[in-house]
């Protein structure tokens, strides 16, 4: 009887410690978005591969998969929404955005993102700074990023 209790207790403790270790590992692997402003995005190179979060107004809307943010007289940054977007952002919409700041290279994006197809993003030029959206929520509460493509884990760094 004593041995059953000891074995049962050991199994229960092992289960608790395993669950705690898994929770700690998951939180360490999940990136926490860094709040940024449009002013900070003007120097996007400082935010390369970082998960950022901001609220901004849509300046241009190209397709359901792409729109831009920026001041009227300032530079713009493209936002790439994974294909297939659930809806498109409209000019003047205020959006709450979370995504990774990336230097755009179509060949690299085709390797990093299964959903990426060059033809869906014709207005983005190689070398442009973009935000690859993990979440775009309109002021009405519509989420534009399809659930199966959301990830807060950055792509693996390129091997040199």
N, C-alpha and C. Protein backbone atom coordinates (compact mmCIF):
# COMPACT_ATOMS: atom_id res chain seq x y z
N UNK A 1 0.83 -1.18 0.00
CA UNK A 1 0.00 0.00 0.00
C UNK A 1 0.88 1.25 0.00
N UNK A 2 1.92 1.22 0.79
CA UNK A 2 2.82 2.37 0.87
C UNK A 2 3.50 2.62 -0.47
N UNK A 3 3.85 1.59 -1.18
CA UNK A 3 4.54 1.71 -2.45
C UNK A 3 3.61 2.33 -3.51
N UNK A 4 2.34 1.98 -3.54
CA UNK A 4 1.37 2.54 -4.48
C UNK A 4 1.24 4.04 -4.24
N UNK A 5 1.17 4.43 -2.97
CA UNK A 5 1.05 5.84 -2.65
C UNK A 5 2.29 6.60 -3.12
N UNK A 6 3.45 6.04 -2.90
CA UNK A 6 4.70 6.69 -3.30
C UNK A 6 4.78 6.80 -4.81
N UNK A 7 4.43 5.76 -5.53
CA UNK A 7 4.46 5.78 -6.99
C UNK A 7 3.43 6.78 -7.52
N UNK A 8 2.25 6.79 -6.95
CA UNK A 8 1.21 7.74 -7.37
C UNK A 8 1.63 9.18 -7.11
N UNK A 9 2.23 9.41 -5.96
CA UNK A 9 2.70 10.76 -5.62
C UNK A 9 3.80 11.19 -6.58
N UNK A 10 4.72 10.28 -6.87
CA UNK A 10 5.82 10.59 -7.80
C UNK A 10 5.27 10.92 -9.18
N UNK A 11 4.29 10.18 -9.65
CA UNK A 11 3.69 10.44 -10.97
C UNK A 11 3.00 11.80 -11.00
N UNK A 12 2.30 12.13 -9.92
CA UNK A 12 1.61 13.42 -9.85
C UNK A 12 2.61 14.57 -9.86
N UNK A 13 3.67 14.44 -9.09
CA UNK A 13 4.71 15.49 -9.07
C UNK A 13 5.38 15.63 -10.43
N UNK A 14 5.66 14.53 -11.07
CA UNK A 14 6.27 14.56 -12.40
C UNK A 14 5.36 15.27 -13.40
N UNK A 15 4.07 15.01 -13.33
CA UNK A 15 3.12 15.66 -14.23
C UNK A 15 3.08 17.16 -13.99
N UNK A 16 3.09 17.59 -12.73
CA UNK A 16 3.06 19.02 -12.41
C UNK A 16 4.33 19.70 -12.91
N UNK A 17 5.49 19.10 -12.63
CA UNK A 17 6.75 19.71 -13.07
C UNK A 17 6.87 19.73 -14.59
N UNK A 18 6.41 18.70 -15.26
CA UNK A 18 6.44 18.66 -16.73
C UNK A 18 5.57 19.75 -17.33
N UNK A 19 4.37 19.93 -16.78
CA UNK A 19 3.46 20.96 -17.28
C UNK A 19 4.07 22.35 -17.08
N UNK A 20 4.71 22.56 -15.93
CA UNK A 20 5.36 23.86 -15.66
C UNK A 20 6.50 24.10 -16.64
N UNK A 21 7.31 23.08 -16.89
CA UNK A 21 8.43 23.22 -17.82
C UNK A 21 7.95 23.52 -19.23
N UNK A 22 6.89 22.86 -19.66
CA UNK A 22 6.33 23.11 -20.99
C UNK A 22 5.79 24.53 -21.08
N UNK A 23 5.10 25.00 -20.05
CA UNK A 23 4.57 26.37 -20.05
C UNK A 23 5.70 27.38 -20.10
N UNK A 24 6.78 27.15 -19.35
CA UNK A 24 7.92 28.07 -19.38
C UNK A 24 8.57 28.09 -20.76
N UNK A 25 8.71 26.93 -21.38
CA UNK A 25 9.32 26.83 -22.70
C UNK A 25 8.45 27.55 -23.74
N UNK A 26 7.14 27.38 -23.69
CA UNK A 26 6.22 28.01 -24.64
C UNK A 26 6.30 29.53 -24.51
N UNK A 27 6.32 30.05 -23.29
CA UNK A 27 6.37 31.50 -23.12
C UNK A 27 7.70 32.06 -23.60
N UNK A 28 8.78 31.31 -23.47
CA UNK A 28 10.08 31.77 -23.94
C UNK A 28 10.14 31.79 -25.47
N UNK A 29 9.41 30.89 -26.12
CA UNK A 29 9.43 30.81 -27.58
C UNK A 29 8.49 31.82 -28.24
N UNK A 30 7.52 32.31 -27.51
CA UNK A 30 6.55 33.23 -28.07
C UNK A 30 7.07 34.65 -27.90
N UNK A 31 7.23 35.34 -29.02
CA UNK A 31 7.73 36.71 -28.98
C UNK A 31 6.66 37.65 -28.44
N UNK A 32 7.09 38.61 -27.66
CA UNK A 32 6.18 39.62 -27.14
C UNK A 32 6.30 40.85 -28.04
N UNK A 33 5.18 41.35 -28.57
CA UNK A 33 5.27 42.50 -29.47
C UNK A 33 5.77 43.75 -28.77
N UNK A 34 6.59 44.49 -29.49
CA UNK A 34 7.12 45.76 -28.99
C UNK A 34 6.24 46.89 -29.50
N UNK A 35 5.64 47.67 -28.60
CA UNK A 35 4.83 48.80 -29.07
C UNK A 35 5.73 49.84 -29.77
N UNK A 36 5.32 50.29 -30.94
CA UNK A 36 6.07 51.29 -31.70
C UNK A 36 5.12 52.36 -32.23
N UNK A 37 5.70 53.44 -32.69
CA UNK A 37 4.94 54.53 -33.30
C UNK A 37 5.34 54.64 -34.77
N UNK A 38 4.57 55.42 -35.52
CA UNK A 38 4.91 55.66 -36.92
C UNK A 38 6.27 56.36 -37.03
N UNK A 39 6.59 57.20 -36.09
CA UNK A 39 7.90 57.89 -36.09
C UNK A 39 9.02 56.85 -36.00
N UNK A 40 8.88 55.86 -35.13
CA UNK A 40 9.89 54.82 -35.00
C UNK A 40 10.00 53.97 -36.27
N UNK A 41 8.89 53.78 -36.97
CA UNK A 41 8.90 52.97 -38.20
C UNK A 41 9.61 53.67 -39.36
N UNK A 42 9.83 54.98 -39.24
CA UNK A 42 10.56 55.69 -40.30
C UNK A 42 11.98 55.17 -40.43
N UNK A 43 12.53 54.64 -39.33
CA UNK A 43 13.83 54.00 -39.38
C UNK A 43 13.64 52.51 -39.11
N UNK A 44 12.99 51.85 -40.05
CA UNK A 44 12.60 50.45 -39.87
C UNK A 44 13.80 49.52 -39.71
N UNK A 45 14.96 49.92 -40.20
CA UNK A 45 16.14 49.05 -40.09
C UNK A 45 16.47 48.73 -38.63
N UNK A 46 16.13 49.62 -37.71
CA UNK A 46 16.38 49.37 -36.28
C UNK A 46 15.43 48.32 -35.71
N UNK A 47 14.37 48.03 -36.44
CA UNK A 47 13.36 47.08 -35.97
C UNK A 47 13.37 45.78 -36.76
N UNK A 48 14.40 45.56 -37.56
CA UNK A 48 14.47 44.39 -38.44
C UNK A 48 14.23 43.09 -37.67
N UNK A 49 13.27 42.28 -38.16
CA UNK A 49 12.90 40.97 -37.61
C UNK A 49 12.27 41.05 -36.22
N UNK A 50 11.86 42.22 -35.79
CA UNK A 50 11.20 42.34 -34.50
C UNK A 50 9.69 42.32 -34.66
N UNK A 51 9.02 41.75 -33.68
CA UNK A 51 7.56 41.74 -33.64
C UNK A 51 7.12 43.07 -33.03
N UNK A 52 6.38 43.85 -33.82
CA UNK A 52 5.96 45.17 -33.38
C UNK A 52 4.43 45.25 -33.31
N UNK A 53 3.97 46.26 -32.58
CA UNK A 53 2.53 46.45 -32.42
C UNK A 53 2.26 47.96 -32.45
N UNK A 54 1.25 48.36 -33.24
CA UNK A 54 0.89 49.76 -33.32
C UNK A 54 -0.54 49.91 -33.82
N UNK A 55 -1.07 51.09 -33.64
CA UNK A 55 -2.35 51.46 -34.21
C UNK A 55 -2.07 52.60 -35.17
N UNK A 56 -2.56 52.49 -36.39
CA UNK A 56 -2.28 53.50 -37.41
C UNK A 56 -3.43 53.56 -38.41
N UNK A 57 -3.38 54.59 -39.25
CA UNK A 57 -4.40 54.80 -40.27
C UNK A 57 -3.87 54.32 -41.62
N UNK A 58 -4.71 53.59 -42.35
CA UNK A 58 -4.34 53.07 -43.66
C UNK A 58 -4.24 54.24 -44.64
N UNK A 59 -3.09 54.34 -45.32
CA UNK A 59 -2.87 55.43 -46.29
C UNK A 59 -3.29 55.02 -47.69
N UNK A 60 -2.86 53.86 -48.12
CA UNK A 60 -3.26 53.32 -49.43
C UNK A 60 -3.66 51.87 -49.24
N UNK A 61 -4.62 51.43 -50.02
CA UNK A 61 -5.06 50.05 -49.97
C UNK A 61 -4.91 49.48 -51.37
N UNK A 62 -3.96 48.57 -51.54
CA UNK A 62 -3.67 48.02 -52.86
C UNK A 62 -4.56 46.81 -53.18
N UNK A 63 -4.51 45.82 -52.30
CA UNK A 63 -5.32 44.61 -52.44
C UNK A 63 -5.72 44.17 -51.03
N UNK A 64 -6.47 43.08 -50.94
CA UNK A 64 -6.83 42.55 -49.62
C UNK A 64 -5.57 42.10 -48.86
N UNK A 65 -4.52 41.76 -49.60
CA UNK A 65 -3.29 41.27 -48.98
C UNK A 65 -2.27 42.36 -48.67
N UNK A 66 -2.56 43.62 -49.06
CA UNK A 66 -1.53 44.62 -48.88
C UNK A 66 -2.12 46.02 -48.76
N UNK A 67 -1.57 46.79 -47.82
CA UNK A 67 -1.90 48.20 -47.70
C UNK A 67 -0.68 48.91 -47.13
N UNK A 68 -0.74 50.25 -47.09
CA UNK A 68 0.38 51.02 -46.56
C UNK A 68 -0.07 51.87 -45.39
N UNK A 69 0.90 52.18 -44.55
CA UNK A 69 0.72 53.10 -43.44
C UNK A 69 1.73 54.22 -43.63
N UNK A 70 1.41 55.40 -43.17
CA UNK A 70 2.37 56.50 -43.25
C UNK A 70 1.68 57.84 -43.19
N UNK A 71 2.49 58.87 -42.95
CA UNK A 71 1.99 60.24 -42.93
C UNK A 71 1.79 60.73 -44.36
N UNK A 72 0.94 61.74 -44.54
CA UNK A 72 0.65 62.25 -45.88
C UNK A 72 1.91 62.72 -46.59
N UNK A 73 2.81 63.41 -45.91
CA UNK A 73 4.02 63.91 -46.53
C UNK A 73 5.22 63.00 -46.31
N UNK A 74 5.08 61.97 -45.55
CA UNK A 74 6.23 61.14 -45.21
C UNK A 74 6.29 59.84 -45.98
N UNK A 75 7.29 59.04 -45.67
CA UNK A 75 7.42 57.73 -46.32
C UNK A 75 6.32 56.77 -45.85
N UNK A 76 6.08 55.76 -46.64
CA UNK A 76 5.09 54.74 -46.31
C UNK A 76 5.79 53.42 -46.01
N UNK A 77 5.12 52.57 -45.27
CA UNK A 77 5.59 51.21 -45.06
C UNK A 77 4.47 50.27 -45.47
N UNK A 78 4.81 49.26 -46.26
CA UNK A 78 3.81 48.28 -46.70
C UNK A 78 3.50 47.30 -45.58
N UNK A 79 2.25 46.92 -45.49
CA UNK A 79 1.82 45.86 -44.58
C UNK A 79 1.38 44.70 -45.47
N UNK A 80 1.99 43.56 -45.25
CA UNK A 80 1.67 42.36 -46.02
C UNK A 80 0.80 41.46 -45.15
N UNK A 81 -0.40 41.19 -45.63
CA UNK A 81 -1.34 40.32 -44.92
C UNK A 81 -1.27 38.94 -45.57
N UNK A 82 -1.08 37.88 -44.78
CA UNK A 82 -1.00 36.53 -45.36
C UNK A 82 -2.21 36.20 -46.22
N UNK A 83 -1.94 35.46 -47.29
CA UNK A 83 -2.98 35.01 -48.22
C UNK A 83 -3.67 33.80 -47.62
N UNK A 84 -4.95 33.65 -47.71
CA UNK A 84 -5.94 34.60 -48.21
C UNK A 84 -6.44 35.49 -47.08
N UNK A 85 -6.39 36.78 -47.27
CA UNK A 85 -6.90 37.71 -46.25
C UNK A 85 -8.40 37.50 -46.10
N UNK A 86 -8.90 37.67 -44.89
CA UNK A 86 -10.33 37.49 -44.65
C UNK A 86 -11.14 38.68 -45.16
N UNK A 87 -10.49 39.83 -45.29
CA UNK A 87 -11.12 41.05 -45.78
C UNK A 87 -9.99 42.02 -46.07
N UNK A 88 -10.31 43.16 -46.68
CA UNK A 88 -9.28 44.15 -46.98
C UNK A 88 -9.45 45.39 -46.13
N UNK A 89 -8.34 46.09 -45.89
CA UNK A 89 -8.38 47.37 -45.18
C UNK A 89 -8.70 48.46 -46.20
N UNK A 90 -9.45 49.46 -45.78
CA UNK A 90 -9.81 50.58 -46.65
C UNK A 90 -9.02 51.83 -46.27
N UNK A 91 -8.81 52.70 -47.23
CA UNK A 91 -8.13 53.96 -46.98
C UNK A 91 -8.86 54.70 -45.87
N UNK A 92 -8.10 55.18 -44.90
CA UNK A 92 -8.68 55.91 -43.78
C UNK A 92 -9.05 55.04 -42.59
N UNK A 93 -9.05 53.72 -42.76
CA UNK A 93 -9.33 52.82 -41.63
C UNK A 93 -8.25 52.94 -40.57
N UNK A 94 -8.64 52.90 -39.33
CA UNK A 94 -7.69 52.79 -38.23
C UNK A 94 -7.56 51.30 -37.93
N UNK A 95 -6.33 50.81 -37.93
CA UNK A 95 -6.11 49.38 -37.70
C UNK A 95 -5.15 49.18 -36.54
N UNK A 96 -5.42 48.15 -35.76
CA UNK A 96 -4.50 47.70 -34.71
C UNK A 96 -3.69 46.57 -35.34
N UNK A 97 -2.40 46.76 -35.42
CA UNK A 97 -1.54 45.89 -36.21
C UNK A 97 -0.44 45.28 -35.35
N UNK A 98 -0.21 43.99 -35.53
CA UNK A 98 0.94 43.31 -34.95
C UNK A 98 1.60 42.55 -36.10
N UNK A 99 2.94 42.63 -36.17
CA UNK A 99 3.63 41.93 -37.23
C UNK A 99 5.14 42.09 -37.14
N UNK A 100 5.83 41.35 -37.99
CA UNK A 100 7.28 41.38 -38.03
C UNK A 100 7.77 42.38 -39.07
N UNK A 101 8.69 43.24 -38.67
CA UNK A 101 9.33 44.17 -39.60
C UNK A 101 10.38 43.37 -40.36
N UNK A 102 10.28 43.41 -41.69
CA UNK A 102 11.20 42.64 -42.54
C UNK A 102 11.67 43.48 -43.72
N UNK A 103 12.85 43.19 -44.19
CA UNK A 103 13.37 43.75 -45.42
C UNK A 103 12.85 42.85 -46.53
N UNK A 104 12.09 43.41 -47.48
CA UNK A 104 11.39 42.58 -48.46
C UNK A 104 12.34 42.01 -49.50
N UNK A 105 12.24 40.70 -49.67
CA UNK A 105 12.93 39.97 -50.72
C UNK A 105 12.01 38.81 -51.10
N UNK A 106 11.43 38.88 -52.29
CA UNK A 106 10.41 37.91 -52.69
C UNK A 106 10.93 36.47 -52.62
N UNK A 107 12.16 36.23 -53.03
CA UNK A 107 12.70 34.86 -53.00
C UNK A 107 12.80 34.34 -51.57
N UNK A 108 13.23 35.18 -50.66
CA UNK A 108 13.32 34.78 -49.25
C UNK A 108 11.95 34.55 -48.67
N UNK A 109 11.00 35.43 -48.99
CA UNK A 109 9.64 35.28 -48.47
C UNK A 109 8.99 33.99 -48.96
N UNK A 110 9.27 33.60 -50.20
CA UNK A 110 8.72 32.33 -50.72
C UNK A 110 9.23 31.14 -49.91
N UNK A 111 10.44 31.23 -49.39
CA UNK A 111 10.99 30.16 -48.56
C UNK A 111 10.47 30.23 -47.13
N UNK A 112 10.32 31.46 -46.60
CA UNK A 112 9.94 31.64 -45.20
C UNK A 112 8.45 31.44 -44.93
N UNK A 113 7.61 31.77 -45.92
CA UNK A 113 6.16 31.75 -45.70
C UNK A 113 5.47 30.88 -46.76
N UNK A 114 4.81 29.82 -46.31
CA UNK A 114 4.12 28.92 -47.24
C UNK A 114 3.02 29.63 -48.01
N UNK A 115 2.40 30.63 -47.43
CA UNK A 115 1.28 31.33 -48.05
C UNK A 115 1.74 32.37 -49.06
N UNK A 116 3.01 32.74 -49.08
CA UNK A 116 3.48 33.83 -49.92
C UNK A 116 3.56 33.42 -51.39
N UNK A 117 2.92 34.25 -52.24
CA UNK A 117 3.02 34.11 -53.70
C UNK A 117 3.34 35.49 -54.25
N UNK A 118 4.41 35.61 -54.99
CA UNK A 118 4.89 36.87 -55.54
C UNK A 118 3.79 37.68 -56.23
N UNK A 119 2.94 37.00 -56.99
CA UNK A 119 1.90 37.68 -57.78
C UNK A 119 0.87 38.40 -56.91
N UNK A 120 0.72 38.00 -55.65
CA UNK A 120 -0.25 38.63 -54.76
C UNK A 120 0.25 39.96 -54.19
N UNK A 121 1.54 40.27 -54.38
CA UNK A 121 2.14 41.47 -53.78
C UNK A 121 2.96 42.24 -54.83
N UNK A 122 2.33 42.64 -55.94
CA UNK A 122 3.09 43.24 -57.04
C UNK A 122 3.64 44.64 -56.74
N UNK A 123 3.06 45.35 -55.80
CA UNK A 123 3.49 46.72 -55.55
C UNK A 123 4.65 46.84 -54.57
N UNK A 124 5.06 45.74 -53.97
CA UNK A 124 6.19 45.78 -53.05
C UNK A 124 7.45 45.48 -53.86
N UNK A 125 8.42 46.35 -53.71
CA UNK A 125 9.69 46.21 -54.45
C UNK A 125 10.76 45.61 -53.55
N UNK A 126 11.67 44.86 -54.14
CA UNK A 126 12.78 44.30 -53.40
C UNK A 126 13.53 45.39 -52.67
N UNK A 127 13.83 45.16 -51.41
CA UNK A 127 14.55 46.15 -50.61
C UNK A 127 13.65 47.03 -49.76
N UNK A 128 12.33 47.07 -50.07
CA UNK A 128 11.40 47.86 -49.26
C UNK A 128 11.29 47.25 -47.85
N UNK A 129 11.03 48.10 -46.87
CA UNK A 129 10.73 47.62 -45.54
C UNK A 129 9.23 47.35 -45.46
N UNK A 130 8.87 46.22 -44.89
CA UNK A 130 7.47 45.82 -44.78
C UNK A 130 7.20 45.31 -43.37
N UNK A 131 5.92 45.24 -43.05
CA UNK A 131 5.49 44.54 -41.83
C UNK A 131 4.69 43.34 -42.30
N UNK A 132 5.13 42.15 -41.92
CA UNK A 132 4.40 40.93 -42.22
C UNK A 132 3.43 40.73 -41.06
N UNK A 133 2.15 40.93 -41.35
CA UNK A 133 1.14 40.97 -40.29
C UNK A 133 0.89 39.59 -39.68
N UNK A 134 0.82 39.58 -38.34
CA UNK A 134 0.34 38.41 -37.62
C UNK A 134 -1.07 38.67 -37.11
N UNK A 135 -1.46 39.96 -37.07
CA UNK A 135 -2.81 40.35 -36.69
C UNK A 135 -3.07 41.76 -37.21
N UNK A 136 -4.21 41.93 -37.86
CA UNK A 136 -4.69 43.25 -38.27
C UNK A 136 -6.16 43.30 -37.90
N UNK A 137 -6.50 44.18 -36.97
CA UNK A 137 -7.88 44.29 -36.52
C UNK A 137 -8.38 45.69 -36.84
N UNK A 138 -9.50 45.75 -37.57
CA UNK A 138 -10.09 47.04 -37.92
C UNK A 138 -10.82 47.61 -36.70
N UNK A 139 -11.21 48.88 -36.80
CA UNK A 139 -11.92 49.51 -35.68
C UNK A 139 -13.28 48.85 -35.43
N UNK A 140 -13.81 48.15 -36.44
CA UNK A 140 -15.07 47.42 -36.26
C UNK A 140 -14.85 46.06 -35.61
N UNK A 141 -13.59 45.67 -35.44
CA UNK A 141 -13.28 44.39 -34.79
C UNK A 141 -13.01 43.24 -35.74
N UNK A 142 -12.98 43.50 -37.05
CA UNK A 142 -12.72 42.44 -38.03
C UNK A 142 -11.23 42.11 -38.06
N UNK A 143 -10.90 40.82 -37.92
CA UNK A 143 -9.53 40.35 -38.02
C UNK A 143 -9.25 40.01 -39.48
N UNK A 144 -8.23 40.65 -40.08
CA UNK A 144 -7.93 40.46 -41.50
C UNK A 144 -6.98 39.30 -41.78
N UNK A 145 -6.22 38.88 -40.78
CA UNK A 145 -5.25 37.80 -40.98
C UNK A 145 -5.95 36.46 -40.74
N UNK A 146 -5.86 35.55 -41.73
CA UNK A 146 -6.50 34.25 -41.55
C UNK A 146 -5.89 33.49 -40.37
N UNK A 147 -6.73 32.83 -39.57
CA UNK A 147 -6.24 32.17 -38.35
C UNK A 147 -5.14 31.14 -38.59
N UNK A 148 -5.16 30.43 -39.69
CA UNK A 148 -4.17 29.37 -39.89
C UNK A 148 -2.79 29.90 -40.25
N UNK A 149 -2.64 31.21 -40.45
CA UNK A 149 -1.33 31.75 -40.80
C UNK A 149 -0.71 32.58 -39.69
N UNK A 150 -1.42 32.76 -38.59
CA UNK A 150 -0.92 33.60 -37.50
C UNK A 150 0.22 32.89 -36.79
N UNK A 151 1.32 33.61 -36.64
CA UNK A 151 2.47 33.09 -35.91
C UNK A 151 3.20 34.26 -35.27
N UNK A 152 3.59 34.10 -34.02
CA UNK A 152 4.39 35.13 -33.38
C UNK A 152 5.84 34.70 -33.30
N UNK A 153 6.19 33.66 -34.04
CA UNK A 153 7.55 33.19 -34.11
C UNK A 153 8.17 33.68 -35.40
N UNK A 154 9.30 34.40 -35.33
CA UNK A 154 9.91 34.90 -36.56
C UNK A 154 10.48 33.75 -37.39
N UNK A 155 10.60 33.97 -38.71
CA UNK A 155 11.22 32.94 -39.53
C UNK A 155 12.67 32.74 -39.09
N UNK A 156 13.22 31.58 -39.38
CA UNK A 156 14.60 31.30 -39.02
C UNK A 156 15.53 32.26 -39.78
N UNK A 157 16.59 32.73 -39.13
CA UNK A 157 17.51 33.61 -39.84
C UNK A 157 18.15 32.88 -41.01
N UNK A 158 18.40 33.64 -42.07
CA UNK A 158 19.00 33.06 -43.27
C UNK A 158 20.41 32.59 -42.98
N UNK A 159 20.78 31.47 -43.56
CA UNK A 159 22.13 30.94 -43.41
C UNK A 159 23.03 31.63 -44.41
N UNK A 160 24.16 32.08 -43.94
CA UNK A 160 25.09 32.81 -44.83
C UNK A 160 26.22 31.94 -45.24
